[in-house]
């Protein structure tokens, strides 16, 4: 009887988890809806390295494209773009294996170490990574559109919609760095993601 009940409850918990993530994504997109439109085709953006080769239970990729043009760092009048990728794994073991493969082949071929900050990360655009539960959420923006205030605004939104008090956060807070583990950084001696 216990096995039967467990078999019935397990799919419901997975379904509830998927529904929660779908609601978070929808709320995140809705929050940006006044100034950005959501695009799901011809995205472009940063290469996510080994994470793109993973087979998560759920994955979505979208671009937020500004409705109005603004001046970028090269003094061009352009629509600002943000690229968002959300990966949800079946369980914590699957997420840990994905992280173990992703960190040595991080974004654009860079290699990072768990819990260790780096002054530079070659070729990596400003990035916010939130790892919470079985989900990895990644937001990148073009280097030419980086400003500290703009970055902090999106950092706050990523934490609000995809984080929790136990979430791990990685930031590339500028063009090619610095890379910082800013929230709940793993112990560099922990072998889980090595």
N, C-alpha and C. Protein backbone atom coordinates (compact mmCIF):
# COMPACT_ATOMS: atom_id res chain seq x y z
N UNK A 1 0.82 -1.20 0.00
CA UNK A 1 0.00 0.00 0.00
C UNK A 1 0.86 1.26 0.00
N UNK A 2 1.94 1.24 0.83
CA UNK A 2 2.81 2.42 0.89
C UNK A 2 3.44 2.71 -0.47
N UNK A 3 3.90 1.65 -1.15
CA UNK A 3 4.52 1.84 -2.47
C UNK A 3 3.53 2.44 -3.45
N UNK A 4 2.30 1.98 -3.40
CA UNK A 4 1.27 2.49 -4.30
C UNK A 4 1.04 3.98 -4.05
N UNK A 5 0.91 4.36 -2.78
CA UNK A 5 0.71 5.77 -2.45
C UNK A 5 1.90 6.62 -2.85
N UNK A 6 3.11 6.10 -2.62
CA UNK A 6 4.31 6.83 -3.00
C UNK A 6 4.37 7.02 -4.51
N UNK A 7 4.00 5.98 -5.27
CA UNK A 7 3.99 6.07 -6.73
C UNK A 7 2.98 7.12 -7.20
N UNK A 8 1.87 7.24 -6.48
CA UNK A 8 0.88 8.25 -6.85
C UNK A 8 1.33 9.66 -6.48
N UNK A 9 1.97 9.81 -5.34
CA UNK A 9 2.37 11.14 -4.86
C UNK A 9 3.59 11.69 -5.59
N UNK A 10 4.51 10.85 -6.03
CA UNK A 10 5.72 11.31 -6.69
C UNK A 10 5.42 12.12 -7.95
N UNK A 11 4.59 11.62 -8.88
CA UNK A 11 4.30 12.43 -10.06
C UNK A 11 3.60 13.75 -9.69
N UNK A 12 2.78 13.75 -8.65
CA UNK A 12 2.13 14.99 -8.24
C UNK A 12 3.14 16.01 -7.73
N UNK A 13 4.16 15.56 -7.01
CA UNK A 13 5.16 16.50 -6.51
C UNK A 13 6.00 17.05 -7.66
N UNK A 14 6.31 16.21 -8.65
CA UNK A 14 7.05 16.68 -9.82
C UNK A 14 6.20 17.68 -10.59
N UNK A 15 4.91 17.38 -10.75
CA UNK A 15 4.00 18.28 -11.44
C UNK A 15 3.90 19.62 -10.71
N UNK A 16 3.78 19.57 -9.38
CA UNK A 16 3.69 20.80 -8.59
C UNK A 16 4.97 21.62 -8.71
N UNK A 17 6.11 20.94 -8.75
CA UNK A 17 7.38 21.64 -8.91
C UNK A 17 7.43 22.33 -10.27
N UNK A 18 7.01 21.63 -11.32
CA UNK A 18 6.98 22.21 -12.66
C UNK A 18 6.03 23.41 -12.72
N UNK A 19 4.88 23.29 -12.08
CA UNK A 19 3.92 24.38 -12.06
C UNK A 19 4.48 25.60 -11.33
N UNK A 20 5.18 25.38 -10.22
CA UNK A 20 5.79 26.47 -9.48
C UNK A 20 6.82 27.20 -10.34
N UNK A 21 7.67 26.46 -11.04
CA UNK A 21 8.67 27.07 -11.91
C UNK A 21 8.01 27.83 -13.06
N UNK A 22 6.98 27.24 -13.66
CA UNK A 22 6.26 27.92 -14.74
C UNK A 22 5.66 29.24 -14.25
N UNK A 23 5.12 29.24 -13.04
CA UNK A 23 4.56 30.48 -12.48
C UNK A 23 5.65 31.51 -12.23
N UNK A 24 6.81 31.07 -11.76
CA UNK A 24 7.93 32.00 -11.52
C UNK A 24 8.39 32.64 -12.83
N UNK A 25 8.52 31.82 -13.87
CA UNK A 25 8.96 32.33 -15.17
C UNK A 25 7.94 33.32 -15.70
N UNK A 26 6.67 32.96 -15.62
CA UNK A 26 5.60 33.85 -16.09
C UNK A 26 5.59 35.17 -15.33
N UNK A 27 5.77 35.11 -14.01
CA UNK A 27 5.80 36.33 -13.19
C UNK A 27 7.02 37.18 -13.54
N UNK A 28 8.16 36.56 -13.76
CA UNK A 28 9.38 37.26 -14.14
C UNK A 28 9.17 38.00 -15.47
N UNK A 29 8.60 37.30 -16.45
CA UNK A 29 8.33 37.91 -17.74
C UNK A 29 7.29 39.03 -17.62
N UNK A 30 6.28 38.81 -16.77
CA UNK A 30 5.26 39.83 -16.56
C UNK A 30 5.82 41.09 -15.91
N UNK A 31 6.76 40.90 -14.98
CA UNK A 31 7.39 42.04 -14.31
C UNK A 31 8.15 42.91 -15.31
N UNK A 32 8.72 42.29 -16.32
CA UNK A 32 9.48 43.04 -17.33
C UNK A 32 8.60 43.51 -18.48
N UNK A 33 7.32 43.12 -18.48
CA UNK A 33 6.42 43.35 -19.59
C UNK A 33 6.18 44.79 -20.00
N UNK A 34 6.34 45.72 -19.09
CA UNK A 34 6.10 47.13 -19.44
C UNK A 34 7.21 47.72 -20.29
N UNK A 35 8.42 47.22 -20.15
CA UNK A 35 9.55 47.80 -20.88
C UNK A 35 10.25 46.82 -21.82
N UNK A 36 9.87 45.53 -21.75
CA UNK A 36 10.49 44.52 -22.61
C UNK A 36 9.43 43.62 -23.22
N UNK A 37 9.74 43.08 -24.40
CA UNK A 37 8.89 42.04 -24.97
C UNK A 37 9.66 40.73 -24.96
N UNK A 38 8.95 39.63 -24.81
CA UNK A 38 9.56 38.31 -24.72
C UNK A 38 9.67 37.72 -26.12
N UNK A 39 10.86 37.25 -26.46
CA UNK A 39 11.09 36.58 -27.74
C UNK A 39 11.63 35.18 -27.46
N UNK A 40 11.21 34.21 -28.24
CA UNK A 40 11.66 32.84 -28.04
C UNK A 40 12.35 32.26 -29.27
N UNK A 41 12.44 33.00 -30.35
CA UNK A 41 13.10 32.52 -31.56
C UNK A 41 14.31 33.40 -31.90
N UNK A 42 15.30 32.80 -32.55
CA UNK A 42 16.51 33.52 -32.97
C UNK A 42 17.11 34.33 -31.82
N UNK A 43 17.46 33.64 -30.75
CA UNK A 43 17.85 34.32 -29.53
C UNK A 43 19.26 34.89 -29.53
N UNK A 44 20.25 34.11 -29.91
CA UNK A 44 21.64 34.58 -29.80
C UNK A 44 22.07 34.61 -28.35
N UNK A 45 22.98 35.50 -28.02
CA UNK A 45 23.43 35.63 -26.64
C UNK A 45 24.66 34.79 -26.35
N UNK A 46 25.01 34.73 -25.09
CA UNK A 46 26.21 34.06 -24.59
C UNK A 46 26.12 32.55 -24.74
N UNK A 47 27.24 31.89 -25.04
CA UNK A 47 27.32 30.44 -25.08
C UNK A 47 27.48 29.93 -23.65
N UNK A 48 26.64 28.98 -23.25
CA UNK A 48 26.63 28.51 -21.87
C UNK A 48 27.54 27.31 -21.62
N UNK A 49 28.38 26.96 -22.55
CA UNK A 49 29.33 25.87 -22.33
C UNK A 49 28.65 24.53 -22.15
N UNK A 50 29.19 23.71 -21.24
CA UNK A 50 28.70 22.33 -21.04
C UNK A 50 27.25 22.27 -20.57
N UNK A 51 26.74 23.33 -19.99
CA UNK A 51 25.35 23.32 -19.52
C UNK A 51 24.38 23.12 -20.68
N UNK A 52 24.75 23.60 -21.86
CA UNK A 52 23.88 23.44 -23.03
C UNK A 52 23.80 21.99 -23.51
N UNK A 53 24.75 21.17 -23.09
CA UNK A 53 24.76 19.76 -23.51
C UNK A 53 24.00 18.86 -22.55
N UNK A 54 23.52 19.42 -21.45
CA UNK A 54 22.79 18.63 -20.46
C UNK A 54 21.37 18.32 -20.94
N UNK A 55 20.75 17.33 -20.31
CA UNK A 55 19.38 16.93 -20.63
C UNK A 55 18.50 17.10 -19.40
N UNK A 56 18.12 18.33 -19.08
CA UNK A 56 17.29 18.53 -17.89
C UNK A 56 15.86 18.05 -18.12
N UNK A 57 15.10 17.96 -17.04
CA UNK A 57 13.68 17.61 -17.13
C UNK A 57 12.91 18.70 -17.87
N UNK A 58 13.34 19.95 -17.66
CA UNK A 58 12.67 21.10 -18.26
C UNK A 58 13.72 22.14 -18.60
N UNK A 59 13.55 22.78 -19.74
CA UNK A 59 14.44 23.88 -20.12
C UNK A 59 13.64 24.89 -20.91
N UNK A 60 13.91 26.16 -20.64
CA UNK A 60 13.34 27.22 -21.46
C UNK A 60 14.39 28.29 -21.66
N UNK A 61 14.36 28.89 -22.85
CA UNK A 61 15.27 29.97 -23.21
C UNK A 61 14.42 31.09 -23.81
N UNK A 62 14.69 32.30 -23.38
CA UNK A 62 13.99 33.42 -23.98
C UNK A 62 14.84 34.69 -23.89
N UNK A 63 14.45 35.64 -24.69
CA UNK A 63 15.15 36.93 -24.72
C UNK A 63 14.14 38.01 -24.35
N UNK A 64 14.59 38.93 -23.52
CA UNK A 64 13.79 40.12 -23.25
C UNK A 64 14.39 41.24 -24.09
N UNK A 65 13.61 41.75 -24.99
CA UNK A 65 14.08 42.82 -25.89
C UNK A 65 13.37 44.12 -25.52
N UNK A 66 14.15 45.16 -25.29
CA UNK A 66 13.60 46.46 -24.90
C UNK A 66 12.61 46.99 -25.93
N UNK A 67 11.57 47.64 -25.44
CA UNK A 67 10.59 48.23 -26.35
C UNK A 67 11.07 49.57 -26.90
N UNK A 68 11.88 50.26 -26.11
CA UNK A 68 12.40 51.56 -26.55
C UNK A 68 13.92 51.51 -26.61
N UNK A 69 14.47 52.32 -27.47
CA UNK A 69 15.92 52.38 -27.62
C UNK A 69 16.55 53.23 -26.52
N UNK A 70 17.78 52.84 -26.14
CA UNK A 70 18.56 53.57 -25.15
C UNK A 70 19.99 53.66 -25.63
N UNK A 71 20.75 54.56 -25.03
CA UNK A 71 22.17 54.69 -25.38
C UNK A 71 22.97 53.62 -24.66
N UNK A 72 23.77 52.87 -25.41
CA UNK A 72 24.63 51.87 -24.78
C UNK A 72 26.00 52.47 -24.49
N UNK A 73 26.96 51.65 -24.06
CA UNK A 73 28.28 52.13 -23.69
C UNK A 73 29.11 52.60 -24.87
N UNK A 74 28.70 52.26 -26.08
CA UNK A 74 29.38 52.72 -27.29
C UNK A 74 28.66 53.91 -27.91
N UNK A 75 27.75 54.49 -27.14
CA UNK A 75 26.95 55.65 -27.55
C UNK A 75 26.14 55.38 -28.81
N UNK A 76 25.59 54.17 -28.89
CA UNK A 76 24.67 53.81 -29.95
C UNK A 76 23.27 53.76 -29.36
N UNK A 77 22.29 54.12 -30.12
CA UNK A 77 20.90 54.08 -29.69
C UNK A 77 20.33 52.71 -30.09
N UNK A 78 20.23 51.79 -29.11
CA UNK A 78 19.82 50.41 -29.39
C UNK A 78 18.75 49.94 -28.40
N UNK A 79 18.06 48.87 -28.76
CA UNK A 79 17.15 48.21 -27.84
C UNK A 79 17.97 47.26 -26.98
N UNK A 80 17.86 47.39 -25.67
CA UNK A 80 18.62 46.54 -24.75
C UNK A 80 18.06 45.13 -24.76
N UNK A 81 18.94 44.15 -24.66
CA UNK A 81 18.57 42.74 -24.67
C UNK A 81 19.05 42.05 -23.40
N UNK A 82 18.26 41.12 -22.91
CA UNK A 82 18.63 40.23 -21.81
C UNK A 82 18.30 38.81 -22.25
N UNK A 83 19.19 37.89 -21.96
CA UNK A 83 18.99 36.50 -22.34
C UNK A 83 18.81 35.67 -21.08
N UNK A 84 17.75 34.89 -21.02
CA UNK A 84 17.44 34.11 -19.83
C UNK A 84 17.32 32.64 -20.22
N UNK A 85 17.97 31.78 -19.42
CA UNK A 85 17.93 30.33 -19.62
C UNK A 85 17.59 29.70 -18.28
N UNK A 86 16.60 28.82 -18.27
CA UNK A 86 16.20 28.15 -17.04
C UNK A 86 16.24 26.64 -17.27
N UNK A 87 16.97 25.94 -16.39
CA UNK A 87 17.13 24.50 -16.46
C UNK A 87 16.60 23.90 -15.17
N UNK A 88 15.72 22.92 -15.27
CA UNK A 88 15.25 22.22 -14.07
C UNK A 88 15.59 20.74 -14.22
N UNK A 89 16.28 20.21 -13.21
CA UNK A 89 16.73 18.82 -13.23
C UNK A 89 15.80 17.95 -12.39
N UNK A 90 15.84 16.65 -12.65
CA UNK A 90 14.94 15.71 -11.99
C UNK A 90 15.14 15.68 -10.48
N UNK A 91 16.38 15.77 -10.03
CA UNK A 91 16.67 15.75 -8.61
C UNK A 91 18.00 16.43 -8.34
N UNK A 92 18.38 16.50 -7.09
CA UNK A 92 19.60 17.18 -6.68
C UNK A 92 20.85 16.48 -7.23
N UNK A 93 20.83 15.18 -7.31
CA UNK A 93 21.97 14.45 -7.88
C UNK A 93 22.21 14.85 -9.33
N UNK A 94 21.14 14.96 -10.11
CA UNK A 94 21.27 15.37 -11.51
C UNK A 94 21.82 16.78 -11.62
N UNK A 95 21.34 17.68 -10.77
CA UNK A 95 21.85 19.05 -10.77
C UNK A 95 23.33 19.07 -10.40
N UNK A 96 23.72 18.30 -9.38
CA UNK A 96 25.13 18.26 -8.97
C UNK A 96 26.03 17.74 -10.09
N UNK A 97 25.57 16.72 -10.81
CA UNK A 97 26.36 16.23 -11.94
C UNK A 97 26.47 17.28 -13.04
N UNK A 98 25.40 17.99 -13.29
CA UNK A 98 25.43 19.06 -14.30
C UNK A 98 26.42 20.15 -13.89
N UNK A 99 26.39 20.54 -12.62
CA UNK A 99 27.32 21.56 -12.13
C UNK A 99 28.77 21.06 -12.22
N UNK A 100 28.99 19.80 -11.93
CA UNK A 100 30.33 19.22 -11.98
C UNK A 100 30.90 19.30 -13.41
N UNK A 101 30.04 19.12 -14.40
CA UNK A 101 30.48 19.20 -15.79
C UNK A 101 30.55 20.63 -16.29
N UNK A 102 29.66 21.51 -15.74
CA UNK A 102 29.57 22.88 -16.24
C UNK A 102 30.73 23.76 -15.79
N UNK A 103 31.13 23.70 -14.54
CA UNK A 103 32.15 24.63 -14.03
C UNK A 103 33.48 24.55 -14.78
N UNK A 104 33.99 23.36 -15.16
CA UNK A 104 35.22 23.34 -15.95
C UNK A 104 35.04 23.84 -17.39
N UNK A 105 33.80 23.78 -17.89
CA UNK A 105 33.48 24.26 -19.24
C UNK A 105 32.34 25.25 -19.09
N UNK A 106 32.64 26.34 -18.38
CA UNK A 106 31.64 27.36 -18.05
C UNK A 106 31.28 28.11 -19.32
N UNK A 107 31.00 29.34 -19.25
CA UNK A 107 30.53 30.11 -20.39
C UNK A 107 31.69 30.48 -21.31
N UNK A 108 31.44 30.32 -22.60
CA UNK A 108 32.40 30.69 -23.63
C UNK A 108 33.77 30.05 -23.41
N UNK A 109 33.79 28.82 -22.89
CA UNK A 109 35.03 28.08 -22.73
C UNK A 109 35.82 28.38 -21.47
N UNK A 110 35.35 29.29 -20.64
CA UNK A 110 36.06 29.63 -19.40
C UNK A 110 35.91 28.49 -18.39
N UNK A 111 36.84 28.40 -17.47
CA UNK A 111 36.80 27.40 -16.41
C UNK A 111 36.78 28.12 -15.07
N UNK A 112 35.85 27.72 -14.19
CA UNK A 112 35.79 28.32 -12.86
C UNK A 112 35.80 27.21 -11.82
N UNK A 113 36.09 27.59 -10.58
CA UNK A 113 36.16 26.61 -9.49
C UNK A 113 35.08 26.92 -8.46
N UNK A 114 34.47 25.88 -7.89
CA UNK A 114 33.40 26.10 -6.92
C UNK A 114 33.86 26.94 -5.73
N UNK A 115 33.11 28.00 -5.45
CA UNK A 115 33.37 28.83 -4.28
C UNK A 115 34.53 29.78 -4.40
N UNK A 116 35.23 29.79 -5.53
CA UNK A 116 36.40 30.66 -5.69
C UNK A 116 36.10 31.80 -6.65
N UNK A 117 36.29 33.02 -6.16
CA UNK A 117 36.11 34.20 -7.00
C UNK A 117 37.28 34.30 -7.99
N UNK A 118 37.08 35.06 -9.06
CA UNK A 118 38.14 35.29 -10.05
C UNK A 118 38.07 36.74 -10.51
N UNK A 119 39.23 37.34 -10.70
CA UNK A 119 39.25 38.74 -11.15
C UNK A 119 38.76 38.88 -12.59
N UNK A 120 39.13 37.91 -13.42
CA UNK A 120 38.70 37.97 -14.82
C UNK A 120 38.20 36.60 -15.28
N UNK A 121 37.29 36.64 -16.24
CA UNK A 121 36.79 35.44 -16.90
C UNK A 121 36.70 35.81 -18.37
N UNK A 122 37.71 35.40 -19.13
CA UNK A 122 37.82 35.84 -20.52
C UNK A 122 36.57 35.55 -21.34
N UNK A 123 36.18 36.53 -22.13
CA UNK A 123 35.09 36.45 -23.11
C UNK A 123 33.70 36.28 -22.51
N UNK A 124 33.55 36.40 -21.19
CA UNK A 124 32.23 36.20 -20.58
C UNK A 124 31.56 37.55 -20.35
N UNK A 125 30.33 37.65 -20.84
CA UNK A 125 29.53 38.86 -20.66
C UNK A 125 28.99 38.93 -19.23
N UNK A 126 28.50 40.09 -18.81
CA UNK A 126 27.87 40.19 -17.48
C UNK A 126 26.78 39.12 -17.33
N UNK A 127 26.83 38.40 -16.21
CA UNK A 127 25.98 37.23 -16.02
C UNK A 127 25.53 37.12 -14.57
N UNK A 128 24.31 36.63 -14.40
CA UNK A 128 23.78 36.31 -13.07
C UNK A 128 23.29 34.87 -13.13
N UNK A 129 23.81 34.02 -12.24
CA UNK A 129 23.41 32.62 -12.18
C UNK A 129 22.81 32.38 -10.80
N UNK A 130 21.60 31.83 -10.76
CA UNK A 130 20.94 31.47 -9.51
C UNK A 130 20.72 29.96 -9.53
N UNK A 131 21.29 29.27 -8.54
CA UNK A 131 21.15 27.82 -8.41
C UNK A 131 20.32 27.59 -7.16
N UNK A 132 19.11 27.08 -7.34
CA UNK A 132 18.21 26.90 -6.20
C UNK A 132 17.46 25.59 -6.34
N UNK A 133 17.60 24.74 -5.35
CA UNK A 133 16.93 23.43 -5.41
C UNK A 133 17.46 22.63 -6.57
N UNK A 134 16.60 22.31 -7.53
CA UNK A 134 17.01 21.54 -8.71
C UNK A 134 17.03 22.41 -9.96
N UNK A 135 17.07 23.73 -9.78
CA UNK A 135 16.97 24.66 -10.90
C UNK A 135 18.22 25.53 -11.03
N UNK A 136 18.66 25.73 -12.27
CA UNK A 136 19.72 26.68 -12.59
C UNK A 136 19.11 27.72 -13.51
N UNK A 137 19.16 28.98 -13.10
CA UNK A 137 18.64 30.09 -13.91
C UNK A 137 19.79 31.01 -14.24
N UNK A 138 19.92 31.35 -15.52
CA UNK A 138 21.05 32.16 -16.00
C UNK A 138 20.51 33.37 -16.76
N UNK A 139 20.99 34.55 -16.41
CA UNK A 139 20.66 35.78 -17.15
C UNK A 139 21.97 36.39 -17.63
N UNK A 140 22.05 36.71 -18.92
CA UNK A 140 23.22 37.39 -19.45
C UNK A 140 22.77 38.63 -20.20
N UNK A 141 23.67 39.61 -20.26
CA UNK A 141 23.40 40.80 -21.04
C UNK A 141 24.66 41.19 -21.79
N UNK A 142 24.53 41.82 -22.95
CA UNK A 142 25.71 42.21 -23.71
C UNK A 142 26.59 43.18 -22.93
N UNK A 143 27.88 43.04 -23.12
CA UNK A 143 28.85 43.87 -22.42
C UNK A 143 28.62 45.36 -22.69
N UNK A 144 28.20 45.67 -23.90
CA UNK A 144 28.01 47.08 -24.28
C UNK A 144 26.83 47.72 -23.55
N UNK A 145 25.99 46.90 -22.89
CA UNK A 145 24.82 47.43 -22.20
C UNK A 145 24.96 47.38 -20.69
N UNK A 146 26.16 47.09 -20.20
CA UNK A 146 26.39 46.94 -18.77
C UNK A 146 26.50 48.28 -18.06
N UNK A 147 25.79 48.38 -16.94
CA UNK A 147 26.00 49.45 -15.97
C UNK A 147 25.73 48.82 -14.61
N UNK A 148 26.37 49.33 -13.59
CA UNK A 148 26.24 48.74 -12.25
C UNK A 148 24.78 48.79 -11.79
N UNK A 149 24.10 49.91 -11.99
CA UNK A 149 22.71 50.05 -11.53
C UNK A 149 21.79 49.06 -12.27
N UNK A 150 21.95 48.97 -13.57
CA UNK A 150 21.14 48.08 -14.41
C UNK A 150 21.37 46.62 -13.97
N UNK A 151 22.63 46.27 -13.75
CA UNK A 151 22.98 44.91 -13.32
C UNK A 151 22.37 44.59 -11.97
N UNK A 152 22.46 45.52 -11.02
CA UNK A 152 21.90 45.30 -9.69
C UNK A 152 20.39 45.13 -9.73
N UNK A 153 19.73 45.89 -10.59
CA UNK A 153 18.27 45.77 -10.75
C UNK A 153 17.90 44.35 -11.18
N UNK A 154 18.62 43.81 -12.17
CA UNK A 154 18.31 42.47 -12.67
C UNK A 154 18.75 41.39 -11.68
N UNK A 155 19.80 41.64 -10.92
CA UNK A 155 20.22 40.71 -9.86
C UNK A 155 19.09 40.55 -8.85
N UNK A 156 18.51 41.67 -8.46
CA UNK A 156 17.41 41.64 -7.49
C UNK A 156 16.21 40.87 -8.05
N UNK A 157 15.89 41.08 -9.32
CA UNK A 157 14.75 40.38 -9.93
C UNK A 157 15.02 38.88 -10.05
N UNK A 158 16.23 38.52 -10.40
CA UNK A 158 16.56 37.09 -10.50
C UNK A 158 16.42 36.41 -9.15
N UNK A 159 16.89 37.06 -8.10
CA UNK A 159 16.75 36.48 -6.76
C UNK A 159 15.29 36.40 -6.33
N UNK A 160 14.52 37.43 -6.66
CA UNK A 160 13.11 37.46 -6.28
C UNK A 160 12.35 36.30 -6.93
N UNK A 161 12.56 36.08 -8.22
CA UNK A 161 11.75 35.09 -8.94
C UNK A 161 12.35 33.68 -8.98
N UNK A 162 13.68 33.57 -8.92
CA UNK A 162 14.30 32.25 -9.07
C UNK A 162 15.12 31.82 -7.86
N UNK A 163 15.17 32.63 -6.81
CA UNK A 163 15.99 32.32 -5.66
C UNK A 163 15.19 32.04 -4.41
N UNK A 164 15.91 31.71 -3.36
CA UNK A 164 15.36 31.51 -2.03
C UNK A 164 16.50 31.81 -1.06
N UNK A 165 16.25 31.78 0.24
CA UNK A 165 17.35 32.02 1.18
C UNK A 165 18.52 31.03 1.05
N UNK A 166 18.27 29.84 0.50
CA UNK A 166 19.34 28.85 0.37
C UNK A 166 19.98 28.83 -1.02
N UNK A 167 19.56 29.70 -1.92
CA UNK A 167 20.08 29.72 -3.29
C UNK A 167 21.57 30.07 -3.31
N UNK A 168 22.26 29.50 -4.28
CA UNK A 168 23.66 29.84 -4.56
C UNK A 168 23.64 30.82 -5.72
N UNK A 169 24.47 31.86 -5.63
CA UNK A 169 24.48 32.86 -6.70
C UNK A 169 25.90 33.11 -7.18
N UNK A 170 26.06 33.13 -8.51
CA UNK A 170 27.32 33.47 -9.15
C UNK A 170 27.06 34.71 -9.99
N UNK A 171 27.96 35.68 -9.91
CA UNK A 171 27.83 36.90 -10.72
C UNK A 171 29.12 37.17 -11.47
N UNK A 172 28.99 37.50 -12.73
CA UNK A 172 30.09 38.09 -13.48
C UNK A 172 29.67 39.55 -13.61
N UNK A 173 30.20 40.37 -12.71
CA UNK A 173 29.70 41.74 -12.52
C UNK A 173 30.48 42.73 -13.36
N UNK A 174 30.52 42.52 -14.64
CA UNK A 174 31.20 43.41 -15.57
C UNK A 174 31.60 42.63 -16.80
N UNK A 175 32.28 43.29 -17.70
CA UNK A 175 32.74 42.65 -18.93
C UNK A 175 34.00 41.86 -18.62
N UNK A 176 33.92 40.54 -18.76
CA UNK A 176 35.01 39.61 -18.47
C UNK A 176 35.39 39.57 -16.99
N UNK A 177 34.47 39.92 -16.13
CA UNK A 177 34.73 39.79 -14.69
C UNK A 177 34.57 41.10 -13.96
N UNK A 178 34.71 41.03 -12.68
CA UNK A 178 35.10 39.89 -11.85
C UNK A 178 33.97 38.88 -11.68
N UNK A 179 34.34 37.62 -11.43
CA UNK A 179 33.37 36.58 -11.12
C UNK A 179 33.36 36.40 -9.61
N UNK A 180 32.15 36.45 -9.03
CA UNK A 180 32.02 36.33 -7.58
C UNK A 180 30.91 35.35 -7.23
N UNK A 181 31.15 34.55 -6.21
CA UNK A 181 30.12 33.70 -5.62
C UNK A 181 29.53 34.56 -4.51
N UNK A 182 28.41 35.22 -4.79
CA UNK A 182 27.91 36.26 -3.89
C UNK A 182 26.89 35.79 -2.86
N UNK A 183 26.37 34.60 -3.00
CA UNK A 183 25.35 34.13 -2.05
C UNK A 183 25.54 32.63 -1.85
N UNK A 184 25.68 32.21 -0.59
CA UNK A 184 25.79 30.80 -0.23
C UNK A 184 26.84 30.05 -1.05
N UNK A 185 28.01 30.63 -1.19
CA UNK A 185 29.08 30.00 -1.96
C UNK A 185 29.44 28.65 -1.35
N UNK A 186 29.67 27.64 -2.19
CA UNK A 186 30.07 26.34 -1.66
C UNK A 186 31.49 26.42 -1.09
N UNK A 187 31.77 25.56 -0.16
CA UNK A 187 33.12 25.46 0.40
C UNK A 187 34.05 24.96 -0.71
N UNK A 188 35.15 25.68 -0.98
CA UNK A 188 36.06 25.23 -2.04
C UNK A 188 36.61 23.82 -1.82
N UNK A 189 36.57 23.33 -0.58
CA UNK A 189 37.06 21.98 -0.29
C UNK A 189 36.00 20.90 -0.53
N UNK A 190 34.74 21.33 -0.68
CA UNK A 190 33.65 20.38 -0.93
C UNK A 190 33.81 19.79 -2.32
N UNK A 191 33.75 18.48 -2.45
CA UNK A 191 33.97 17.80 -3.73
C UNK A 191 32.70 17.64 -4.56
N UNK A 192 31.56 18.12 -4.08
CA UNK A 192 30.29 17.89 -4.78
C UNK A 192 30.33 18.36 -6.23
N UNK A 193 30.86 19.54 -6.50
CA UNK A 193 30.86 20.09 -7.86
C UNK A 193 32.24 20.00 -8.52
N UNK A 194 33.15 19.21 -7.94
CA UNK A 194 34.49 19.07 -8.56
C UNK A 194 34.58 17.77 -9.30
